Amino acid sequence: MISRDELRERLIAGGIPSHVIQIFDLDYELPKPRWIQNELAGAFRRFLFDAELVGRPEQFDCNKYAKLASTMADLCWARTRKSDAALAFGLAGVGLHMVNVAVHKDGVAFYEPQLQGEGVSGGVSMRRVEHTREDLRLCTVCLFV
């Protein structure tokens, strides 16, 4: 478990400008990458399929996917009841694109929540994406709620 101050420090060390970081809880548990890419990704894909959600410009685009994935992560995490701490998994606006951001034991990682491919069941979600320090300078928001 880490404190909100430690979370902020790790995000800044990962290249996110301090002025865009907003953290709302006191303590955080660090998710494992395999939890995000397996359990969370599976639950998220099933939810999107069951809800018949399909990406649409403006109506259901990257920011809606990232917000929904963050909420789904909170729901999945709350069911584990391992800790009262929040999950170190949030949202990051990198330029004009919104993705999910996680703080792991070994650093900061970004995940693409949007499905790639055709229809609600096409492709994968929660694939890890890389951002350069230059990309992260353009970060508009980094939100942990």
Protein backbone atom coordinates (compact mmCIF):
# COMPACT_ATOMS: atom_id res chain seq x y z
CA MET A 1 0.00 0.00 0.00
CA ILE A 2 1.17 3.55 -0.72
CA SER A 3 -0.07 6.97 0.38
CA ARG A 4 -1.54 9.61 -1.89
CA ASP A 5 1.76 11.52 -1.58
CA GLU A 6 3.74 8.47 -2.71
CA LEU A 7 1.28 7.95 -5.58
CA ARG A 8 1.79 11.57 -6.68
CA GLU A 9 5.59 11.17 -6.49
CA ARG A 10 5.51 8.04 -8.66
CA LEU A 11 3.26 9.70 -11.24
CA ILE A 12 5.59 12.69 -11.44
CA ALA A 13 8.63 10.38 -11.70
CA GLY A 14 6.77 8.61 -14.53
CA GLY A 15 6.62 11.88 -16.49
CA ILE A 16 3.17 13.25 -15.65
CA PRO A 17 3.18 17.00 -14.91
CA SER A 18 2.33 17.66 -11.25
CA HIS A 19 -0.24 20.36 -12.02
CA VAL A 20 -2.57 17.90 -13.84
CA ILE A 21 -2.62 15.25 -11.09
CA GLN A 22 -5.74 14.99 -8.93
CA ILE A 23 -5.90 12.32 -6.23
CA PHE A 24 -9.00 11.82 -4.10
CA ASP A 25 -8.21 8.95 -1.71
CA LEU A 26 -5.64 8.63 1.06
CA ASP A 27 -4.16 5.17 0.43
CA TYR A 28 -3.73 3.03 -2.68
CA GLU A 29 -2.97 -0.58 -3.52
CA LEU A 30 -0.80 -1.21 -6.57
CA PRO A 31 -2.43 -3.48 -9.15
CA LYS A 32 -0.41 -6.10 -10.96
CA PRO A 33 -0.27 -5.71 -14.76
CA ARG A 34 -1.61 -9.26 -15.22
CA TRP A 35 -4.67 -8.38 -13.07
CA ILE A 36 -5.42 -5.44 -15.38
CA GLN A 37 -4.84 -7.37 -18.60
CA ASN A 38 -6.62 -10.55 -17.49
CA GLU A 39 -9.30 -10.14 -14.81
CA LEU A 40 -10.15 -6.49 -15.43
CA ALA A 41 -9.93 -6.76 -19.23
CA GLY A 42 -12.20 -9.83 -19.21
CA ALA A 43 -14.80 -8.21 -16.95
CA PHE A 44 -14.67 -5.03 -19.02
CA ARG A 45 -15.11 -6.86 -22.35
CA ARG A 46 -18.04 -8.87 -20.94
CA PHE A 47 -19.69 -5.69 -19.69
CA LEU A 48 -19.28 -3.93 -23.05
CA PHE A 49 -20.66 -6.99 -24.86
CA ASP A 50 -23.63 -7.41 -22.50
CA ALA A 51 -24.43 -3.69 -22.69
CA GLU A 52 -24.02 -3.76 -26.49
CA LEU A 53 -21.84 -0.66 -26.30
CA VAL A 54 -20.09 0.39 -29.47
CA GLY A 55 -17.70 3.30 -29.79
CA ARG A 56 -19.15 6.39 -31.45
CA PRO A 57 -17.38 9.70 -32.01
CA GLU A 58 -18.24 12.12 -29.19
CA GLN A 59 -21.10 10.01 -27.78
CA PHE A 60 -19.01 7.03 -26.65
CA ASP A 61 -15.37 7.72 -27.38
CA CYS A 62 -12.01 7.37 -25.64
CA ASN A 63 -12.91 9.41 -22.57
CA LYS A 64 -16.09 7.38 -22.01
CA TYR A 65 -14.19 4.10 -22.40
CA ALA A 66 -11.50 5.24 -19.94
CA LYS A 67 -14.06 6.49 -17.42
CA LEU A 68 -16.04 3.26 -17.65
CA ALA A 69 -12.88 1.12 -17.37
CA SER A 70 -11.86 3.04 -14.26
CA THR A 71 -15.29 2.45 -12.72
CA MET A 72 -15.18 -1.24 -13.69
CA ALA A 73 -11.73 -1.52 -12.04
CA ASP A 74 -13.14 -0.02 -8.85
CA LEU A 75 -16.05 -2.47 -8.88
CA CYS A 76 -13.80 -5.48 -9.48
CA TRP A 77 -11.37 -4.28 -6.83
CA ALA A 78 -14.10 -3.65 -4.24
CA ARG A 79 -15.29 -7.25 -4.65
CA THR A 80 -11.86 -8.55 -3.58
CA ARG A 81 -12.16 -6.96 -0.10
CA LYS A 82 -8.42 -7.42 0.38
CA SER A 83 -7.87 -3.87 1.58
CA ASP A 84 -9.74 -0.69 2.38
CA ALA A 85 -7.34 1.24 0.15
CA ALA A 86 -8.34 2.43 -3.31
CA LEU A 87 -6.82 0.94 -6.45
CA ALA A 88 -3.97 2.86 -8.11
CA PHE A 89 -5.79 2.87 -11.45
CA GLY A 90 -7.12 6.07 -12.97
CA LEU A 91 -7.56 8.16 -16.08
CA ALA A 92 -5.02 10.17 -18.05
CA GLY A 93 -5.62 12.61 -20.86
CA VAL A 94 -2.56 12.42 -23.08
CA GLY A 95 -2.99 15.13 -25.65
CA LEU A 96 -6.53 14.73 -26.96
CA HIS A 97 -6.73 11.02 -26.13
CA MET A 98 -7.92 9.52 -22.84
CA VAL A 99 -6.42 6.25 -21.55
CA ASN A 100 -6.16 4.52 -18.21
CA VAL A 101 -3.10 4.85 -16.01
CA ALA A 102 -1.86 2.53 -13.29
CA VAL A 103 0.95 2.73 -10.80
CA HIS A 104 2.71 -0.60 -10.42
CA LYS A 105 5.52 -1.68 -8.15
CA ASP A 106 7.99 -0.96 -10.97
CA GLY A 107 6.52 2.33 -12.27
CA VAL A 108 3.70 3.95 -14.21
CA ALA A 109 1.91 2.20 -17.08
CA PHE A 110 -0.81 3.23 -19.51
CA TYR A 111 -3.61 1.03 -20.83
CA GLU A 112 -5.86 1.46 -23.85
CA PRO A 113 -9.44 0.64 -22.83
CA GLN A 114 -11.00 0.91 -26.28
CA LEU A 115 -11.75 -2.28 -28.14
CA GLN A 116 -9.88 -2.67 -31.40
CA GLY A 117 -11.72 -4.29 -34.26
CA GLU A 118 -15.30 -4.69 -35.36
CA GLY A 119 -18.35 -4.62 -33.11
CA VAL A 120 -18.66 -4.93 -29.38
CA SER A 121 -16.81 -8.24 -29.25
CA GLY A 122 -13.94 -7.32 -31.58
CA GLY A 123 -10.35 -6.98 -30.51
CA VAL A 124 -8.87 -6.53 -27.10
CA SER A 125 -9.03 -3.90 -24.43
CA MET A 126 -6.56 -2.98 -21.69
CA ARG A 127 -3.50 -3.45 -23.87
CA ARG A 128 -0.49 -1.65 -22.52
CA VAL A 129 0.54 1.43 -24.50
CA GLU A 130 3.76 3.40 -24.31
CA HIS A 131 4.03 7.17 -24.07
CA THR A 132 7.24 9.17 -24.35
CA ARG A 133 8.19 11.90 -21.90
CA GLU A 134 7.34 14.35 -24.69
CA ASP A 135 3.83 12.82 -25.00
CA LEU A 136 3.34 13.11 -21.25
CA ARG A 137 4.27 16.79 -21.26
CA LEU A 138 0.97 17.25 -23.12
CA CYS A 139 -0.98 15.44 -20.42
CA THR A 140 -4.12 17.45 -19.59
CA VAL A 141 -5.41 15.43 -16.64
CA CYS A 142 -4.42 12.52 -14.43
CA LEU A 143 -7.30 11.60 -12.18
CA PHE A 144 -7.57 9.02 -9.40
CA VAL A 145 -11.09 8.98 -7.92
